[in-house]
Amino acid sequence: MTTETRLERGRRMLDRIDGQAGQAVIDALQDIAPDFADYLFEYPFGDIMSRPGLGLREREIATVAALCALGTAENQLRVHIQAALNCGVSRDEIVEILMQMSVYAGFPAALNGLMVAKQVFSQGEHGGER
């Protein structure tokens, strides 16, 4: 019987959410901070995203809202908008989530989030409801 490590569980979870994004992260960090990719897989995906209590869809909704509210995480927001689509969140729901952030994070954060969503929608394969 084999026991899955945190790293293996994290990579499996990220692949489940966003296809092969995990390998792109490993490749991008290889020449500067290869250990950081392991930390990224182990904690957020191996520990937190793998917990029971919320489904992946709900976790991605929360993640999109938080990244939009930060206002400083455009690349991560792009990845998680795509992940939300992959987990069954519709385009209309993503737009509503980002518009909701105007109340709590401000219009600039919501506007920036909507512009990222527009880019993801124009590149994506998800037809959605828009």
N, C-alpha and C. Protein backbone atom coordinates (compact mmCIF):
# COMPACT_ATOMS: atom_id res chain seq x y z
N MET A 1 0.85 -1.18 0.00
CA MET A 1 0.00 0.00 0.00
C MET A 1 0.89 1.24 0.00
N THR A 2 0.66 2.14 -0.94
CA THR A 2 1.45 3.36 -1.01
C THR A 2 0.65 4.51 -0.41
N THR A 3 1.37 5.39 0.25
CA THR A 3 0.75 6.57 0.84
C THR A 3 1.16 7.78 0.00
N GLU A 4 0.18 8.54 -0.41
CA GLU A 4 0.42 9.71 -1.24
C GLU A 4 1.04 10.82 -0.39
N THR A 5 2.11 11.43 -0.87
CA THR A 5 2.73 12.54 -0.16
C THR A 5 1.93 13.82 -0.39
N ARG A 6 2.21 14.84 0.41
CA ARG A 6 1.56 16.13 0.23
C ARG A 6 1.84 16.68 -1.18
N LEU A 7 3.07 16.51 -1.63
CA LEU A 7 3.46 16.99 -2.95
C LEU A 7 2.69 16.26 -4.04
N GLU A 8 2.61 14.95 -3.95
CA GLU A 8 1.86 14.17 -4.94
C GLU A 8 0.38 14.54 -4.92
N ARG A 9 -0.18 14.68 -3.72
CA ARG A 9 -1.59 15.05 -3.59
C ARG A 9 -1.83 16.45 -4.19
N GLY A 10 -0.90 17.38 -3.93
CA GLY A 10 -1.03 18.73 -4.45
C GLY A 10 -0.95 18.78 -5.97
N ARG A 11 -0.02 18.03 -6.54
CA ARG A 11 0.10 17.99 -8.00
C ARG A 11 -1.15 17.37 -8.63
N ARG A 12 -1.65 16.31 -8.01
CA ARG A 12 -2.86 15.66 -8.52
C ARG A 12 -4.04 16.62 -8.46
N MET A 13 -4.15 17.36 -7.36
CA MET A 13 -5.26 18.30 -7.20
C MET A 13 -5.17 19.43 -8.22
N LEU A 14 -3.98 19.99 -8.41
CA LEU A 14 -3.83 21.07 -9.38
C LEU A 14 -4.11 20.57 -10.80
N ASP A 15 -3.64 19.38 -11.13
CA ASP A 15 -3.94 18.82 -12.45
C ASP A 15 -5.45 18.63 -12.63
N ARG A 16 -6.12 18.23 -11.56
CA ARG A 16 -7.58 18.04 -11.62
C ARG A 16 -8.30 19.37 -11.85
N ILE A 17 -7.80 20.42 -11.26
CA ILE A 17 -8.42 21.74 -11.36
C ILE A 17 -8.07 22.43 -12.67
N ASP A 18 -6.81 22.34 -13.06
CA ASP A 18 -6.35 23.17 -14.17
C ASP A 18 -5.43 22.45 -15.14
N GLY A 19 -5.72 21.19 -15.43
CA GLY A 19 -4.95 20.49 -16.45
C GLY A 19 -3.47 20.40 -16.14
N GLN A 20 -2.65 20.86 -17.03
CA GLN A 20 -1.20 20.74 -16.88
C GLN A 20 -0.55 22.03 -16.39
N ALA A 21 -1.28 22.89 -15.72
CA ALA A 21 -0.71 24.14 -15.21
C ALA A 21 0.44 23.88 -14.25
N GLY A 22 0.37 22.78 -13.52
CA GLY A 22 1.40 22.46 -12.56
C GLY A 22 2.77 22.33 -13.18
N GLN A 23 2.85 21.67 -14.31
CA GLN A 23 4.14 21.52 -14.98
C GLN A 23 4.68 22.86 -15.44
N ALA A 24 3.81 23.75 -15.89
CA ALA A 24 4.24 25.08 -16.30
C ALA A 24 4.85 25.85 -15.14
N VAL A 25 4.28 25.68 -13.94
CA VAL A 25 4.82 26.34 -12.76
C VAL A 25 6.20 25.77 -12.43
N ILE A 26 6.32 24.46 -12.46
CA ILE A 26 7.62 23.82 -12.19
C ILE A 26 8.67 24.34 -13.18
N ASP A 27 8.31 24.37 -14.45
CA ASP A 27 9.24 24.83 -15.48
C ASP A 27 9.64 26.29 -15.27
N ALA A 28 8.67 27.14 -14.94
CA ALA A 28 8.94 28.57 -14.77
C ALA A 28 9.85 28.85 -13.57
N LEU A 29 9.75 28.03 -12.54
CA LEU A 29 10.53 28.26 -11.32
C LEU A 29 11.85 27.49 -11.28
N GLN A 30 12.05 26.59 -12.23
CA GLN A 30 13.20 25.68 -12.19
C GLN A 30 14.53 26.41 -12.06
N ASP A 31 14.71 27.51 -12.79
CA ASP A 31 16.00 28.18 -12.79
C ASP A 31 16.16 29.23 -11.69
N ILE A 32 15.10 29.50 -10.93
CA ILE A 32 15.23 30.51 -9.88
C ILE A 32 14.91 29.97 -8.48
N ALA A 33 13.86 29.18 -8.35
CA ALA A 33 13.44 28.70 -7.02
C ALA A 33 12.69 27.38 -7.16
N PRO A 34 13.38 26.31 -7.53
CA PRO A 34 12.68 25.05 -7.77
C PRO A 34 11.93 24.53 -6.53
N ASP A 35 12.45 24.78 -5.34
CA ASP A 35 11.77 24.33 -4.12
C ASP A 35 10.43 25.04 -3.91
N PHE A 36 10.32 26.27 -4.42
CA PHE A 36 9.09 27.04 -4.23
C PHE A 36 7.91 26.35 -4.90
N ALA A 37 8.14 25.72 -6.04
CA ALA A 37 7.06 24.99 -6.72
C ALA A 37 6.55 23.87 -5.82
N ASP A 38 7.47 23.18 -5.13
CA ASP A 38 7.04 22.13 -4.21
C ASP A 38 6.16 22.70 -3.10
N TYR A 39 6.57 23.83 -2.54
CA TYR A 39 5.77 24.47 -1.48
C TYR A 39 4.38 24.83 -2.00
N LEU A 40 4.34 25.32 -3.23
CA LEU A 40 3.07 25.71 -3.85
C LEU A 40 2.14 24.52 -4.01
N PHE A 41 2.68 23.40 -4.38
CA PHE A 41 1.86 22.20 -4.52
C PHE A 41 1.45 21.64 -3.16
N GLU A 42 2.38 21.61 -2.23
CA GLU A 42 2.12 20.96 -0.94
C GLU A 42 1.06 21.67 -0.12
N TYR A 43 1.24 22.97 0.14
CA TYR A 43 0.33 23.64 1.06
C TYR A 43 -1.01 24.02 0.43
N PRO A 44 -1.02 24.92 -0.57
CA PRO A 44 -2.34 25.34 -1.09
C PRO A 44 -3.15 24.20 -1.71
N PHE A 45 -2.47 23.34 -2.47
CA PHE A 45 -3.21 22.30 -3.20
C PHE A 45 -3.21 20.96 -2.47
N GLY A 46 -2.09 20.58 -1.90
CA GLY A 46 -2.02 19.30 -1.20
C GLY A 46 -2.72 19.30 0.14
N ASP A 47 -2.69 20.45 0.84
CA ASP A 47 -3.31 20.54 2.16
C ASP A 47 -4.68 21.22 2.14
N ILE A 48 -4.76 22.43 1.61
CA ILE A 48 -5.98 23.23 1.72
C ILE A 48 -7.04 22.84 0.69
N MET A 49 -6.68 22.84 -0.59
CA MET A 49 -7.68 22.53 -1.63
C MET A 49 -8.17 21.09 -1.53
N SER A 50 -7.42 20.23 -0.88
CA SER A 50 -7.78 18.81 -0.75
C SER A 50 -8.66 18.52 0.46
N ARG A 51 -8.90 19.52 1.27
CA ARG A 51 -9.69 19.30 2.48
C ARG A 51 -11.16 19.03 2.14
N PRO A 52 -11.81 18.24 2.98
CA PRO A 52 -13.26 18.08 2.83
C PRO A 52 -13.96 19.33 3.36
N GLY A 53 -15.21 19.48 3.07
CA GLY A 53 -15.96 20.61 3.61
C GLY A 53 -16.46 21.58 2.56
N LEU A 54 -15.67 21.80 1.54
CA LEU A 54 -16.08 22.60 0.39
C LEU A 54 -15.68 21.84 -0.87
N GLY A 55 -16.50 21.97 -1.89
CA GLY A 55 -16.14 21.38 -3.17
C GLY A 55 -15.18 22.28 -3.92
N LEU A 56 -14.60 21.76 -4.98
CA LEU A 56 -13.66 22.56 -5.78
C LEU A 56 -14.33 23.78 -6.37
N ARG A 57 -15.58 23.65 -6.77
CA ARG A 57 -16.31 24.79 -7.34
C ARG A 57 -16.37 25.94 -6.35
N GLU A 58 -16.75 25.63 -5.11
CA GLU A 58 -16.86 26.67 -4.08
C GLU A 58 -15.48 27.24 -3.73
N ARG A 59 -14.50 26.39 -3.69
CA ARG A 59 -13.14 26.87 -3.39
C ARG A 59 -12.64 27.81 -4.48
N GLU A 60 -12.95 27.51 -5.73
CA GLU A 60 -12.52 28.39 -6.82
C GLU A 60 -13.29 29.71 -6.81
N ILE A 61 -14.56 29.70 -6.44
CA ILE A 61 -15.31 30.95 -6.30
C ILE A 61 -14.64 31.84 -5.25
N ALA A 62 -14.31 31.25 -4.10
CA ALA A 62 -13.65 32.01 -3.04
C ALA A 62 -12.29 32.52 -3.49
N THR A 63 -11.56 31.69 -4.23
CA THR A 63 -10.22 32.07 -4.69
C THR A 63 -10.29 33.21 -5.69
N VAL A 64 -11.21 33.14 -6.63
CA VAL A 64 -11.38 34.22 -7.61
C VAL A 64 -11.72 35.52 -6.90
N ALA A 65 -12.62 35.48 -5.94
CA ALA A 65 -12.99 36.68 -5.20
C ALA A 65 -11.79 37.26 -4.45
N ALA A 66 -11.05 36.40 -3.77
CA ALA A 66 -9.90 36.86 -2.99
C ALA A 66 -8.81 37.46 -3.87
N LEU A 67 -8.51 36.79 -4.98
CA LEU A 67 -7.47 37.30 -5.86
C LEU A 67 -7.88 38.62 -6.50
N CYS A 68 -9.15 38.74 -6.85
CA CYS A 68 -9.65 40.01 -7.39
C CYS A 68 -9.51 41.10 -6.32
N ALA A 69 -9.91 40.80 -5.10
CA ALA A 69 -9.86 41.79 -4.02
C ALA A 69 -8.43 42.23 -3.73
N LEU A 70 -7.47 41.32 -3.85
CA LEU A 70 -6.07 41.70 -3.63
C LEU A 70 -5.64 42.80 -4.59
N GLY A 71 -6.06 42.67 -5.84
CA GLY A 71 -5.71 43.68 -6.83
C GLY A 71 -4.27 43.63 -7.30
N THR A 72 -3.50 42.66 -6.83
CA THR A 72 -2.08 42.58 -7.18
C THR A 72 -1.69 41.20 -7.72
N ALA A 73 -2.67 40.42 -8.12
CA ALA A 73 -2.40 39.03 -8.47
C ALA A 73 -3.02 38.67 -9.82
N GLU A 74 -2.76 39.49 -10.83
CA GLU A 74 -3.39 39.29 -12.13
C GLU A 74 -3.09 37.91 -12.72
N ASN A 75 -1.84 37.48 -12.65
CA ASN A 75 -1.50 36.18 -13.23
C ASN A 75 -2.22 35.05 -12.52
N GLN A 76 -2.26 35.10 -11.19
CA GLN A 76 -2.93 34.07 -10.42
C GLN A 76 -4.45 34.14 -10.65
N LEU A 77 -5.00 35.35 -10.77
CA LEU A 77 -6.43 35.49 -11.06
C LEU A 77 -6.76 34.85 -12.40
N ARG A 78 -5.92 35.07 -13.38
CA ARG A 78 -6.13 34.47 -14.71
C ARG A 78 -6.19 32.94 -14.59
N VAL A 79 -5.24 32.36 -13.88
CA VAL A 79 -5.20 30.90 -13.70
C VAL A 79 -6.46 30.41 -12.99
N HIS A 80 -6.88 31.14 -11.95
CA HIS A 80 -8.02 30.66 -11.17
C HIS A 80 -9.37 30.96 -11.81
N ILE A 81 -9.46 31.95 -12.67
CA ILE A 81 -10.69 32.11 -13.46
C ILE A 81 -10.83 30.91 -14.39
N GLN A 82 -9.75 30.50 -15.03
CA GLN A 82 -9.80 29.31 -15.88
C GLN A 82 -10.12 28.08 -15.05
N ALA A 83 -9.51 27.97 -13.87
CA ALA A 83 -9.79 26.83 -12.99
C ALA A 83 -11.25 26.82 -12.57
N ALA A 84 -11.81 28.00 -12.29
CA ALA A 84 -13.23 28.08 -11.92
C ALA A 84 -14.11 27.57 -13.06
N LEU A 85 -13.78 27.98 -14.28
CA LEU A 85 -14.52 27.48 -15.44
C LEU A 85 -14.41 25.95 -15.51
N ASN A 86 -13.20 25.44 -15.28
CA ASN A 86 -12.98 23.99 -15.31
C ASN A 86 -13.78 23.26 -14.24
N CYS A 87 -14.07 23.96 -13.14
CA CYS A 87 -14.80 23.36 -12.01
C CYS A 87 -16.30 23.62 -12.06
N GLY A 88 -16.79 24.15 -13.18
CA GLY A 88 -18.23 24.30 -13.36
C GLY A 88 -18.81 25.66 -13.05
N VAL A 89 -17.97 26.65 -12.76
CA VAL A 89 -18.47 28.01 -12.55
C VAL A 89 -18.68 28.62 -13.94
N SER A 90 -19.85 29.20 -14.17
CA SER A 90 -20.14 29.76 -15.49
C SER A 90 -19.50 31.14 -15.65
N ARG A 91 -19.41 31.57 -16.89
CA ARG A 91 -18.92 32.92 -17.17
C ARG A 91 -19.78 33.97 -16.46
N ASP A 92 -21.09 33.80 -16.52
CA ASP A 92 -21.99 34.75 -15.85
C ASP A 92 -21.72 34.80 -14.36
N GLU A 93 -21.49 33.66 -13.75
CA GLU A 93 -21.20 33.63 -12.31
C GLU A 93 -19.88 34.32 -12.01
N ILE A 94 -18.87 34.10 -12.84
CA ILE A 94 -17.58 34.77 -12.63
C ILE A 94 -17.74 36.28 -12.73
N VAL A 95 -18.48 36.74 -13.72
CA VAL A 95 -18.72 38.18 -13.86
C VAL A 95 -19.41 38.72 -12.61
N GLU A 96 -20.41 38.01 -12.09
CA GLU A 96 -21.10 38.45 -10.88
C GLU A 96 -20.18 38.48 -9.66
N ILE A 97 -19.32 37.47 -9.54
CA ILE A 97 -18.34 37.44 -8.45
C ILE A 97 -17.45 38.68 -8.51
N LEU A 98 -16.95 38.98 -9.69
CA LEU A 98 -16.05 40.12 -9.85
C LEU A 98 -16.78 41.44 -9.63
N MET A 99 -18.02 41.53 -10.09
CA MET A 99 -18.80 42.74 -9.83
C MET A 99 -19.07 42.91 -8.33
N GLN A 100 -19.31 41.83 -7.63
CA GLN A 100 -19.53 41.86 -6.18
C GLN A 100 -18.31 42.46 -5.47
N MET A 101 -17.14 42.22 -6.02
CA MET A 101 -15.92 42.74 -5.40
C MET A 101 -15.84 44.26 -5.44
N SER A 102 -16.61 44.90 -6.32
CA SER A 102 -16.61 46.37 -6.36
C SER A 102 -17.08 46.95 -5.03
N VAL A 103 -17.98 46.24 -4.35
CA VAL A 103 -18.52 46.71 -3.07
C VAL A 103 -17.47 46.60 -1.97
N TYR A 104 -16.69 45.53 -1.96
CA TYR A 104 -15.79 45.24 -0.85
C TYR A 104 -14.33 45.53 -1.14
N ALA A 105 -13.94 45.52 -2.40
CA ALA A 105 -12.54 45.75 -2.74
C ALA A 105 -12.35 47.02 -3.57
N GLY A 106 -13.45 47.61 -4.02
CA GLY A 106 -13.38 48.84 -4.79
C GLY A 106 -13.54 48.61 -6.29
N PHE A 107 -13.93 49.69 -6.96
CA PHE A 107 -14.14 49.62 -8.40
C PHE A 107 -12.87 49.29 -9.17
N PRO A 108 -11.71 49.85 -8.81
CA PRO A 108 -10.50 49.49 -9.58
C PRO A 108 -10.21 47.98 -9.54
N ALA A 109 -10.34 47.36 -8.38
CA ALA A 109 -10.08 45.92 -8.28
C ALA A 109 -11.09 45.13 -9.11
N ALA A 110 -12.36 45.52 -9.04
CA ALA A 110 -13.39 44.83 -9.81
C ALA A 110 -13.17 45.02 -11.31
N LEU A 111 -12.85 46.24 -11.71
CA LEU A 111 -12.59 46.52 -13.12
C LEU A 111 -11.41 45.72 -13.63
N ASN A 112 -10.33 45.69 -12.87
CA ASN A 112 -9.16 44.90 -13.27
C ASN A 112 -9.51 43.42 -13.37
N GLY A 113 -10.29 42.93 -12.42
CA GLY A 113 -10.72 41.54 -12.45
C GLY A 113 -11.56 41.23 -13.67
N LEU A 114 -12.45 42.13 -14.02
CA LEU A 114 -13.29 41.94 -15.20
C LEU A 114 -12.45 41.93 -16.48
N MET A 115 -11.41 42.76 -16.52
CA MET A 115 -10.55 42.77 -17.70
C MET A 115 -9.77 41.46 -17.83
N VAL A 116 -9.34 40.91 -16.70
CA VAL A 116 -8.68 39.60 -16.73
C VAL A 116 -9.66 38.53 -17.20
N ALA A 117 -10.88 38.57 -16.67
CA ALA A 117 -11.90 37.60 -17.09
C ALA A 117 -12.16 37.71 -18.58
N LYS A 118 -12.24 38.92 -19.10
CA LYS A 118 -12.46 39.11 -20.53
C LYS A 118 -11.37 38.44 -21.35
N GLN A 119 -10.11 38.58 -20.91
CA GLN A 119 -8.99 37.92 -21.59
C GLN A 119 -9.13 36.40 -21.55
N VAL A 120 -9.46 35.88 -20.37
CA VAL A 120 -9.60 34.43 -20.22
C VAL A 120 -10.74 33.93 -21.09
N PHE A 121 -11.86 34.61 -21.08
CA PHE A 121 -13.02 34.19 -21.87
C PHE A 121 -12.69 34.20 -23.36
N SER A 122 -11.93 35.20 -23.81
CA SER A 122 -11.63 35.30 -25.24
C SER A 122 -10.64 34.22 -25.69
N GLN A 123 -9.85 33.69 -24.76
CA GLN A 123 -8.86 32.66 -25.11
C GLN A 123 -9.38 31.25 -24.83
N GLY A 124 -10.44 31.15 -24.04
CA GLY A 124 -10.87 29.85 -23.56
C GLY A 124 -11.70 29.05 -24.52
N GLU A 125 -11.90 27.82 -24.13
CA GLU A 125 -12.71 26.91 -24.92
C GLU A 125 -14.09 26.75 -24.32
N HIS A 126 -14.36 27.43 -23.22
CA HIS A 126 -15.65 27.31 -22.54
C HIS A 126 -16.64 28.29 -23.15
N GLY A 127 -17.69 27.80 -23.71
CA GLY A 127 -18.72 28.67 -24.30
C GLY A 127 -19.47 29.44 -23.24
N GLY A 128 -19.73 28.82 -22.10
CA GLY A 128 -20.42 29.50 -21.02
C GLY A 128 -21.77 30.04 -21.43
N GLU A 129 -22.22 31.03 -20.68
CA GLU A 129 -23.55 31.59 -20.91
C GLU A 129 -23.47 33.01 -21.48
N ARG A 130 -22.31 33.43 -21.85
CA ARG A 130 -22.15 34.77 -22.41
C ARG A 130 -21.68 34.67 -23.82
